[in-house]
């Protein structure tokens, strides 16, 4: 049987901050690569639908960045000298919710890359859809399955 120990509010907030620090650099790097892609000549030759998918992916990454950075903004402005369960819950939800638009953005960009490399829209769509299914399963499905198996609510 797994041993379980409750974390203090300070430990919980530290963990949330650590998680945000892990996610943010990857999201920022993706954003950087996305923004420079449009300046490459081959990108301009892609069908408009594929270019639109890339723009949608860029917008989704902006949403993910906003969600990942929201906990720091909230803490600094709303509760600068306190650690509350409300702030921890809000911060945890924001980081978790950021994974959904991030999964969609990565999947759209997988579609764009596969379309560019293969020229096969069906293959590109399958690759993007497969990436989305994998990410959603690993980031949401499996954790929810384990949560229900462990009987944990929060």
N, C-alpha and C. Protein backbone atom coordinates (compact mmCIF):
# COMPACT_ATOMS: atom_id res chain seq x y z
N UNK A 1 0.85 -1.19 0.00
CA UNK A 1 0.00 0.00 0.00
C UNK A 1 0.89 1.25 0.00
N UNK A 2 0.55 2.21 -0.83
CA UNK A 2 1.30 3.46 -0.91
C UNK A 2 1.11 4.28 0.36
N UNK A 3 2.21 4.84 0.84
CA UNK A 3 2.10 5.77 1.94
C UNK A 3 1.78 7.14 1.37
N UNK A 4 0.92 7.86 2.06
CA UNK A 4 0.49 9.18 1.60
C UNK A 4 0.74 10.17 2.73
N UNK A 5 1.30 11.31 2.36
CA UNK A 5 1.58 12.35 3.34
C UNK A 5 1.05 13.67 2.80
N UNK A 6 0.33 14.40 3.63
CA UNK A 6 -0.19 15.70 3.23
C UNK A 6 0.93 16.73 3.20
N UNK A 7 0.92 17.58 2.17
CA UNK A 7 1.90 18.66 2.08
C UNK A 7 1.33 19.91 2.76
N UNK A 8 2.23 20.71 3.31
CA UNK A 8 1.81 21.98 3.87
C UNK A 8 1.47 22.93 2.72
N UNK A 9 0.80 24.03 3.03
CA UNK A 9 0.49 25.02 2.00
C UNK A 9 1.77 25.53 1.33
N UNK A 10 2.79 25.76 2.13
CA UNK A 10 4.07 26.24 1.59
C UNK A 10 4.67 25.22 0.63
N UNK A 11 4.63 23.95 0.99
CA UNK A 11 5.15 22.89 0.11
C UNK A 11 4.31 22.77 -1.16
N UNK A 12 2.99 22.88 -1.02
CA UNK A 12 2.11 22.81 -2.19
C UNK A 12 2.40 23.95 -3.16
N UNK A 13 2.54 25.16 -2.64
CA UNK A 13 2.82 26.30 -3.50
C UNK A 13 4.19 26.15 -4.16
N UNK A 14 5.16 25.65 -3.42
CA UNK A 14 6.48 25.40 -3.99
C UNK A 14 6.41 24.41 -5.14
N UNK A 15 5.61 23.38 -4.99
CA UNK A 15 5.45 22.38 -6.05
C UNK A 15 4.78 22.99 -7.27
N UNK A 16 3.77 23.81 -7.07
CA UNK A 16 3.08 24.47 -8.19
C UNK A 16 4.05 25.37 -8.95
N UNK A 17 4.85 26.13 -8.21
CA UNK A 17 5.83 27.01 -8.85
C UNK A 17 6.85 26.19 -9.63
N UNK A 18 7.29 25.08 -9.05
CA UNK A 18 8.25 24.20 -9.72
C UNK A 18 7.66 23.63 -11.02
N UNK A 19 6.38 23.24 -10.98
CA UNK A 19 5.73 22.70 -12.17
C UNK A 19 5.62 23.77 -13.26
N UNK A 20 5.27 24.98 -12.87
CA UNK A 20 5.18 26.07 -13.85
C UNK A 20 6.55 26.35 -14.45
N UNK A 21 7.58 26.31 -13.64
CA UNK A 21 8.94 26.55 -14.13
C UNK A 21 9.40 25.45 -15.09
N UNK A 22 8.86 24.25 -14.94
CA UNK A 22 9.21 23.16 -15.85
C UNK A 22 8.50 23.32 -17.19
N UNK A 23 7.24 23.73 -17.17
CA UNK A 23 6.43 23.81 -18.38
C UNK A 23 6.77 25.05 -19.21
N UNK A 24 6.96 26.17 -18.57
CA UNK A 24 7.09 27.44 -19.27
C UNK A 24 8.23 27.50 -20.29
N UNK A 25 9.45 27.05 -19.97
CA UNK A 25 10.51 27.14 -20.99
C UNK A 25 10.20 26.37 -22.27
N UNK A 26 9.59 25.22 -22.13
CA UNK A 26 9.22 24.45 -23.32
C UNK A 26 8.18 25.16 -24.16
N UNK A 27 7.20 25.74 -23.50
CA UNK A 27 6.15 26.47 -24.20
C UNK A 27 6.74 27.71 -24.88
N UNK A 28 7.63 28.39 -24.20
CA UNK A 28 8.26 29.57 -24.79
C UNK A 28 9.14 29.20 -25.98
N UNK A 29 9.85 28.10 -25.89
CA UNK A 29 10.69 27.66 -27.02
C UNK A 29 9.81 27.32 -28.22
N UNK A 30 8.71 26.62 -27.97
CA UNK A 30 7.77 26.30 -29.05
C UNK A 30 7.25 27.58 -29.69
N UNK A 31 6.90 28.56 -28.88
CA UNK A 31 6.41 29.84 -29.40
C UNK A 31 7.46 30.50 -30.29
N UNK A 32 8.70 30.46 -29.86
CA UNK A 32 9.78 31.06 -30.65
C UNK A 32 9.94 30.39 -32.01
N UNK A 33 9.92 29.05 -32.01
CA UNK A 33 10.03 28.34 -33.28
C UNK A 33 8.83 28.62 -34.17
N UNK A 34 7.66 28.72 -33.56
CA UNK A 34 6.46 28.98 -34.35
C UNK A 34 6.53 30.35 -35.02
N UNK A 35 7.01 31.32 -34.31
CA UNK A 35 7.02 32.68 -34.88
C UNK A 35 8.02 32.82 -36.01
N UNK A 36 9.15 32.12 -35.94
CA UNK A 36 10.13 32.27 -37.03
C UNK A 36 9.76 31.44 -38.25
N UNK A 37 8.93 30.43 -38.08
CA UNK A 37 8.56 29.56 -39.21
C UNK A 37 7.91 30.33 -40.35
N UNK A 38 7.12 31.33 -40.01
CA UNK A 38 6.39 32.06 -41.06
C UNK A 38 7.31 32.88 -41.96
N UNK A 39 8.54 33.11 -41.54
CA UNK A 39 9.48 33.90 -42.34
C UNK A 39 10.29 33.04 -43.31
N UNK A 40 10.10 31.74 -43.26
CA UNK A 40 10.80 30.84 -44.19
C UNK A 40 10.00 30.71 -45.48
N UNK A 41 10.69 30.74 -46.58
CA UNK A 41 10.04 30.69 -47.90
C UNK A 41 9.15 29.47 -48.10
N UNK A 42 9.59 28.25 -47.71
CA UNK A 42 8.72 27.08 -47.91
C UNK A 42 7.36 27.21 -47.19
N UNK A 43 7.34 27.91 -46.06
CA UNK A 43 6.08 28.08 -45.33
C UNK A 43 5.07 28.84 -46.19
N UNK A 44 5.54 29.84 -46.90
CA UNK A 44 4.66 30.67 -47.73
C UNK A 44 4.08 29.89 -48.90
N UNK A 45 4.70 28.78 -49.25
CA UNK A 45 4.22 27.96 -50.37
C UNK A 45 3.21 26.90 -49.93
N UNK A 46 3.01 26.75 -48.63
CA UNK A 46 2.04 25.78 -48.13
C UNK A 46 0.62 26.24 -48.45
N UNK A 47 -0.32 25.30 -48.58
CA UNK A 47 -1.72 25.70 -48.79
C UNK A 47 -2.20 26.58 -47.63
N UNK A 48 -3.13 27.45 -47.93
CA UNK A 48 -3.63 28.39 -46.91
C UNK A 48 -4.20 27.65 -45.69
N UNK A 49 -4.85 26.52 -45.88
CA UNK A 49 -5.38 25.75 -44.76
C UNK A 49 -4.25 25.36 -43.80
N UNK A 50 -3.13 24.94 -44.33
CA UNK A 50 -2.00 24.53 -43.50
C UNK A 50 -1.41 25.75 -42.78
N UNK A 51 -1.29 26.86 -43.46
CA UNK A 51 -0.81 28.09 -42.81
C UNK A 51 -1.78 28.51 -41.70
N UNK A 52 -3.08 28.38 -41.97
CA UNK A 52 -4.08 28.73 -40.95
C UNK A 52 -3.96 27.83 -39.72
N UNK A 53 -3.66 26.55 -39.94
CA UNK A 53 -3.46 25.63 -38.81
C UNK A 53 -2.27 26.08 -37.96
N UNK A 54 -1.23 26.55 -38.62
CA UNK A 54 -0.05 27.04 -37.88
C UNK A 54 -0.41 28.29 -37.06
N UNK A 55 -1.18 29.19 -37.66
CA UNK A 55 -1.60 30.40 -36.93
C UNK A 55 -2.49 30.01 -35.74
N UNK A 56 -3.37 29.03 -35.94
CA UNK A 56 -4.20 28.56 -34.83
C UNK A 56 -3.33 27.96 -33.73
N UNK A 57 -2.31 27.20 -34.11
CA UNK A 57 -1.40 26.63 -33.13
C UNK A 57 -0.67 27.72 -32.35
N UNK A 58 -0.27 28.77 -33.05
CA UNK A 58 0.39 29.91 -32.41
C UNK A 58 -0.54 30.55 -31.38
N UNK A 59 -1.81 30.74 -31.75
CA UNK A 59 -2.78 31.32 -30.82
C UNK A 59 -2.98 30.42 -29.60
N UNK A 60 -3.02 29.11 -29.82
CA UNK A 60 -3.18 28.18 -28.70
C UNK A 60 -1.98 28.21 -27.76
N UNK A 61 -0.80 28.39 -28.30
CA UNK A 61 0.39 28.50 -27.45
C UNK A 61 0.32 29.78 -26.61
N UNK A 62 -0.19 30.85 -27.19
CA UNK A 62 -0.36 32.10 -26.42
C UNK A 62 -1.31 31.85 -25.24
N UNK A 63 -2.39 31.11 -25.47
CA UNK A 63 -3.33 30.78 -24.39
C UNK A 63 -2.61 29.95 -23.32
N UNK A 64 -1.81 28.98 -23.75
CA UNK A 64 -1.07 28.14 -22.79
C UNK A 64 -0.09 28.99 -21.97
N UNK A 65 0.61 29.90 -22.62
CA UNK A 65 1.54 30.78 -21.91
C UNK A 65 0.79 31.63 -20.88
N UNK A 66 -0.34 32.18 -21.28
CA UNK A 66 -1.13 33.00 -20.36
C UNK A 66 -1.55 32.19 -19.13
N UNK A 67 -1.97 30.96 -19.35
CA UNK A 67 -2.40 30.12 -18.24
C UNK A 67 -1.24 29.71 -17.33
N UNK A 68 -0.09 29.41 -17.91
CA UNK A 68 1.06 29.00 -17.10
C UNK A 68 1.59 30.18 -16.28
N UNK A 69 1.52 31.38 -16.83
CA UNK A 69 2.05 32.55 -16.12
C UNK A 69 1.03 33.20 -15.18
N UNK A 70 -0.23 32.83 -15.32
CA UNK A 70 -1.27 33.44 -14.50
C UNK A 70 -1.06 33.26 -12.99
N UNK A 71 -0.61 32.08 -12.52
CA UNK A 71 -0.40 31.94 -11.08
C UNK A 71 0.57 32.96 -10.49
N UNK A 72 1.66 33.24 -11.19
CA UNK A 72 2.63 34.23 -10.68
C UNK A 72 2.00 35.61 -10.66
N UNK A 73 1.27 35.96 -11.70
CA UNK A 73 0.61 37.26 -11.74
C UNK A 73 -0.44 37.38 -10.63
N UNK A 74 -1.21 36.32 -10.42
CA UNK A 74 -2.22 36.32 -9.36
C UNK A 74 -1.57 36.49 -8.00
N UNK A 75 -0.55 35.67 -7.74
CA UNK A 75 0.10 35.72 -6.42
C UNK A 75 0.69 37.10 -6.15
N UNK A 76 1.40 37.66 -7.11
CA UNK A 76 2.05 38.96 -6.92
C UNK A 76 1.05 40.09 -6.73
N UNK A 77 -0.12 39.98 -7.34
CA UNK A 77 -1.08 41.09 -7.28
C UNK A 77 -2.20 40.89 -6.27
N UNK A 78 -2.73 39.67 -6.17
CA UNK A 78 -3.89 39.45 -5.30
C UNK A 78 -3.51 39.01 -3.88
N UNK A 79 -2.48 38.18 -3.75
CA UNK A 79 -2.11 37.66 -2.44
C UNK A 79 -0.58 37.68 -2.27
N UNK A 80 0.02 38.87 -2.34
CA UNK A 80 1.49 38.93 -2.36
C UNK A 80 2.20 38.46 -1.09
N UNK A 81 1.54 38.50 0.04
CA UNK A 81 2.23 38.15 1.29
C UNK A 81 1.62 36.94 1.98
N UNK A 82 0.80 36.17 1.21
CA UNK A 82 0.12 35.02 1.80
C UNK A 82 0.19 33.82 0.85
N UNK A 83 0.02 32.66 1.43
CA UNK A 83 -0.17 31.44 0.65
C UNK A 83 -1.51 30.88 1.09
N UNK A 84 -2.44 30.82 0.16
CA UNK A 84 -3.78 30.33 0.50
C UNK A 84 -4.11 29.09 -0.32
N UNK A 85 -5.03 28.31 0.21
CA UNK A 85 -5.51 27.13 -0.53
C UNK A 85 -6.16 27.57 -1.84
N UNK A 86 -6.83 28.72 -1.82
CA UNK A 86 -7.46 29.26 -3.03
C UNK A 86 -6.41 29.53 -4.12
N UNK A 87 -5.30 30.15 -3.75
CA UNK A 87 -4.24 30.45 -4.72
C UNK A 87 -3.61 29.17 -5.25
N UNK A 88 -3.43 28.18 -4.39
CA UNK A 88 -2.85 26.91 -4.82
C UNK A 88 -3.79 26.20 -5.78
N UNK A 89 -5.08 26.18 -5.46
CA UNK A 89 -6.06 25.52 -6.33
C UNK A 89 -6.14 26.23 -7.68
N UNK A 90 -6.19 27.55 -7.66
CA UNK A 90 -6.24 28.33 -8.90
C UNK A 90 -4.99 28.07 -9.75
N UNK A 91 -3.84 28.11 -9.11
CA UNK A 91 -2.57 27.90 -9.81
C UNK A 91 -2.49 26.50 -10.40
N UNK A 92 -2.89 25.51 -9.64
CA UNK A 92 -2.87 24.13 -10.13
C UNK A 92 -3.79 23.97 -11.33
N UNK A 93 -5.00 24.52 -11.25
CA UNK A 93 -5.94 24.44 -12.37
C UNK A 93 -5.37 25.13 -13.60
N UNK A 94 -4.79 26.31 -13.43
CA UNK A 94 -4.24 27.04 -14.58
C UNK A 94 -3.16 26.22 -15.30
N UNK A 95 -2.26 25.63 -14.53
CA UNK A 95 -1.19 24.84 -15.15
C UNK A 95 -1.77 23.62 -15.84
N UNK A 96 -2.72 22.97 -15.20
CA UNK A 96 -3.36 21.80 -15.81
C UNK A 96 -4.12 22.20 -17.07
N UNK A 97 -4.90 23.27 -17.00
CA UNK A 97 -5.69 23.71 -18.16
C UNK A 97 -4.79 24.14 -19.31
N UNK A 98 -3.60 24.61 -19.02
CA UNK A 98 -2.67 25.03 -20.08
C UNK A 98 -2.26 23.86 -20.96
N UNK A 99 -2.33 22.66 -20.42
CA UNK A 99 -1.91 21.49 -21.19
C UNK A 99 -2.85 21.19 -22.36
N UNK A 100 -4.13 21.53 -22.24
CA UNK A 100 -5.08 21.24 -23.33
C UNK A 100 -4.78 22.08 -24.58
N UNK A 101 -4.68 23.42 -24.47
CA UNK A 101 -4.32 24.17 -25.68
C UNK A 101 -2.90 23.84 -26.17
N UNK A 102 -2.01 23.49 -25.25
CA UNK A 102 -0.66 23.11 -25.65
C UNK A 102 -0.70 21.82 -26.48
N UNK A 103 -1.49 20.84 -26.04
CA UNK A 103 -1.63 19.59 -26.81
C UNK A 103 -2.21 19.86 -28.19
N UNK A 104 -3.21 20.74 -28.25
CA UNK A 104 -3.81 21.07 -29.54
C UNK A 104 -2.81 21.79 -30.44
N UNK A 105 -2.03 22.70 -29.87
CA UNK A 105 -1.04 23.45 -30.65
C UNK A 105 0.04 22.52 -31.19
N UNK A 106 0.55 21.64 -30.36
CA UNK A 106 1.58 20.71 -30.80
C UNK A 106 1.03 19.82 -31.92
N UNK A 107 -0.18 19.36 -31.75
CA UNK A 107 -0.80 18.48 -32.74
C UNK A 107 -1.01 19.20 -34.07
N UNK A 108 -1.45 20.45 -34.01
CA UNK A 108 -1.60 21.22 -35.25
C UNK A 108 -0.25 21.42 -35.94
N UNK A 109 0.77 21.68 -35.17
CA UNK A 109 2.09 21.86 -35.77
C UNK A 109 2.67 20.54 -36.29
N UNK A 110 2.33 19.42 -35.67
CA UNK A 110 2.72 18.12 -36.23
C UNK A 110 2.05 17.96 -37.60
N UNK A 111 0.78 18.34 -37.68
CA UNK A 111 0.08 18.31 -38.97
C UNK A 111 0.80 19.17 -40.01
N UNK A 112 1.16 20.39 -39.62
CA UNK A 112 1.84 21.31 -40.54
C UNK A 112 3.17 20.72 -41.02
N UNK A 113 3.95 20.21 -40.09
CA UNK A 113 5.26 19.65 -40.45
C UNK A 113 5.10 18.43 -41.36
N UNK A 114 4.20 17.54 -41.01
CA UNK A 114 4.00 16.35 -41.84
C UNK A 114 3.47 16.72 -43.23
N UNK A 115 2.61 17.71 -43.28
CA UNK A 115 2.10 18.17 -44.58
C UNK A 115 3.24 18.74 -45.42
N UNK A 116 4.11 19.50 -44.76
CA UNK A 116 5.23 20.10 -45.47
C UNK A 116 6.22 19.03 -45.96
N UNK A 117 6.49 18.03 -45.13
CA UNK A 117 7.48 17.00 -45.46
C UNK A 117 6.94 16.00 -46.48
N UNK A 118 5.69 15.55 -46.29
CA UNK A 118 5.17 14.48 -47.13
C UNK A 118 4.26 14.97 -48.26
N UNK A 119 3.62 16.12 -48.06
CA UNK A 119 2.65 16.59 -49.04
C UNK A 119 1.35 15.80 -49.00
N UNK A 120 1.22 14.89 -48.05
CA UNK A 120 0.05 14.02 -47.94
C UNK A 120 -0.83 14.50 -46.79
N UNK A 121 -1.96 15.10 -47.13
CA UNK A 121 -2.86 15.67 -46.12
C UNK A 121 -3.43 14.60 -45.20
N UNK A 122 -3.75 13.45 -45.74
CA UNK A 122 -4.31 12.37 -44.91
C UNK A 122 -3.29 11.90 -43.89
N UNK A 123 -2.07 11.66 -44.33
CA UNK A 123 -1.00 11.25 -43.42
C UNK A 123 -0.75 12.33 -42.37
N UNK A 124 -0.72 13.57 -42.81
CA UNK A 124 -0.49 14.68 -41.88
C UNK A 124 -1.60 14.76 -40.84
N UNK A 125 -2.85 14.59 -41.28
CA UNK A 125 -3.99 14.64 -40.36
C UNK A 125 -3.93 13.47 -39.37
N UNK A 126 -3.56 12.30 -39.85
CA UNK A 126 -3.43 11.14 -38.96
C UNK A 126 -2.31 11.36 -37.94
N UNK A 127 -1.20 11.91 -38.39
CA UNK A 127 -0.09 12.19 -37.48
C UNK A 127 -0.47 13.22 -36.43
N UNK A 128 -1.13 14.30 -36.86
CA UNK A 128 -1.57 15.32 -35.91
C UNK A 128 -2.61 14.77 -34.94
N UNK A 129 -3.56 13.99 -35.46
CA UNK A 129 -4.58 13.38 -34.60
C UNK A 129 -3.97 12.39 -33.63
N UNK A 130 -2.99 11.62 -34.10
CA UNK A 130 -2.30 10.67 -33.22
C UNK A 130 -1.53 11.38 -32.12
N UNK A 131 -0.88 12.47 -32.47
CA UNK A 131 -0.15 13.26 -31.46
C UNK A 131 -1.12 13.80 -30.41
N UNK A 132 -2.27 14.29 -30.87
CA UNK A 132 -3.27 14.82 -29.94
C UNK A 132 -3.78 13.72 -29.01
N UNK A 133 -4.11 12.57 -29.57
CA UNK A 133 -4.61 11.45 -28.76
C UNK A 133 -3.57 11.03 -27.72
N UNK A 134 -2.31 10.94 -28.13
CA UNK A 134 -1.24 10.56 -27.21
C UNK A 134 -1.11 11.58 -26.07
N UNK A 135 -1.04 12.86 -26.43
CA UNK A 135 -0.84 13.89 -25.40
C UNK A 135 -2.02 13.96 -24.44
N UNK A 136 -3.23 13.92 -24.96
CA UNK A 136 -4.42 13.99 -24.08
C UNK A 136 -4.48 12.75 -23.18
N UNK A 137 -4.16 11.61 -23.73
CA UNK A 137 -4.16 10.38 -22.93
C UNK A 137 -3.14 10.45 -21.81
N UNK A 138 -1.91 10.89 -22.14
CA UNK A 138 -0.85 10.93 -21.13
C UNK A 138 -1.04 12.06 -20.12
N UNK A 139 -1.54 13.19 -20.57
CA UNK A 139 -1.65 14.35 -19.69
C UNK A 139 -2.97 14.41 -18.93
N UNK A 140 -4.03 13.77 -19.44
CA UNK A 140 -5.33 13.83 -18.77
C UNK A 140 -5.91 12.45 -18.49
N UNK A 141 -5.93 11.59 -19.49
CA UNK A 141 -6.57 10.28 -19.32
C UNK A 141 -5.93 9.42 -18.24
N UNK A 142 -4.63 9.20 -18.35
CA UNK A 142 -3.95 8.35 -17.37
C UNK A 142 -4.01 8.95 -15.96
N UNK A 143 -3.71 10.24 -15.78
CA UNK A 143 -3.83 10.78 -14.42
C UNK A 143 -5.24 10.65 -13.83
N UNK A 144 -6.28 10.84 -14.66
CA UNK A 144 -7.64 10.71 -14.15
C UNK A 144 -7.97 9.26 -13.81
N UNK A 145 -7.47 8.33 -14.62
CA UNK A 145 -7.65 6.91 -14.32
C UNK A 145 -7.02 6.57 -12.98
N UNK A 146 -5.79 7.01 -12.77
CA UNK A 146 -5.11 6.72 -11.51
C UNK A 146 -5.79 7.42 -10.33
N UNK A 147 -6.27 8.61 -10.56
CA UNK A 147 -6.98 9.33 -9.49
C UNK A 147 -8.20 8.55 -9.04
N UNK A 148 -8.95 8.02 -10.03
CA UNK A 148 -10.15 7.25 -9.67
C UNK A 148 -9.77 5.92 -9.02
N UNK A 149 -8.71 5.27 -9.50
CA UNK A 149 -8.26 4.02 -8.88
C UNK A 149 -7.79 4.22 -7.46
N UNK A 150 -7.14 5.34 -7.22
CA UNK A 150 -6.61 5.62 -5.88
C UNK A 150 -7.69 6.19 -4.97
N UNK A 151 -8.83 6.57 -5.54
CA UNK A 151 -9.92 7.11 -4.74
C UNK A 151 -9.64 8.48 -4.18
N UNK A 152 -8.84 9.28 -4.89
CA UNK A 152 -8.47 10.62 -4.40
C UNK A 152 -9.39 11.64 -5.04
N UNK A 153 -9.74 12.64 -4.30
CA UNK A 153 -10.61 13.69 -4.81
C UNK A 153 -9.90 15.03 -4.91
N UNK A 154 -8.81 15.21 -4.27
CA UNK A 154 -8.18 16.52 -4.37
C UNK A 154 -6.84 16.61 -3.76
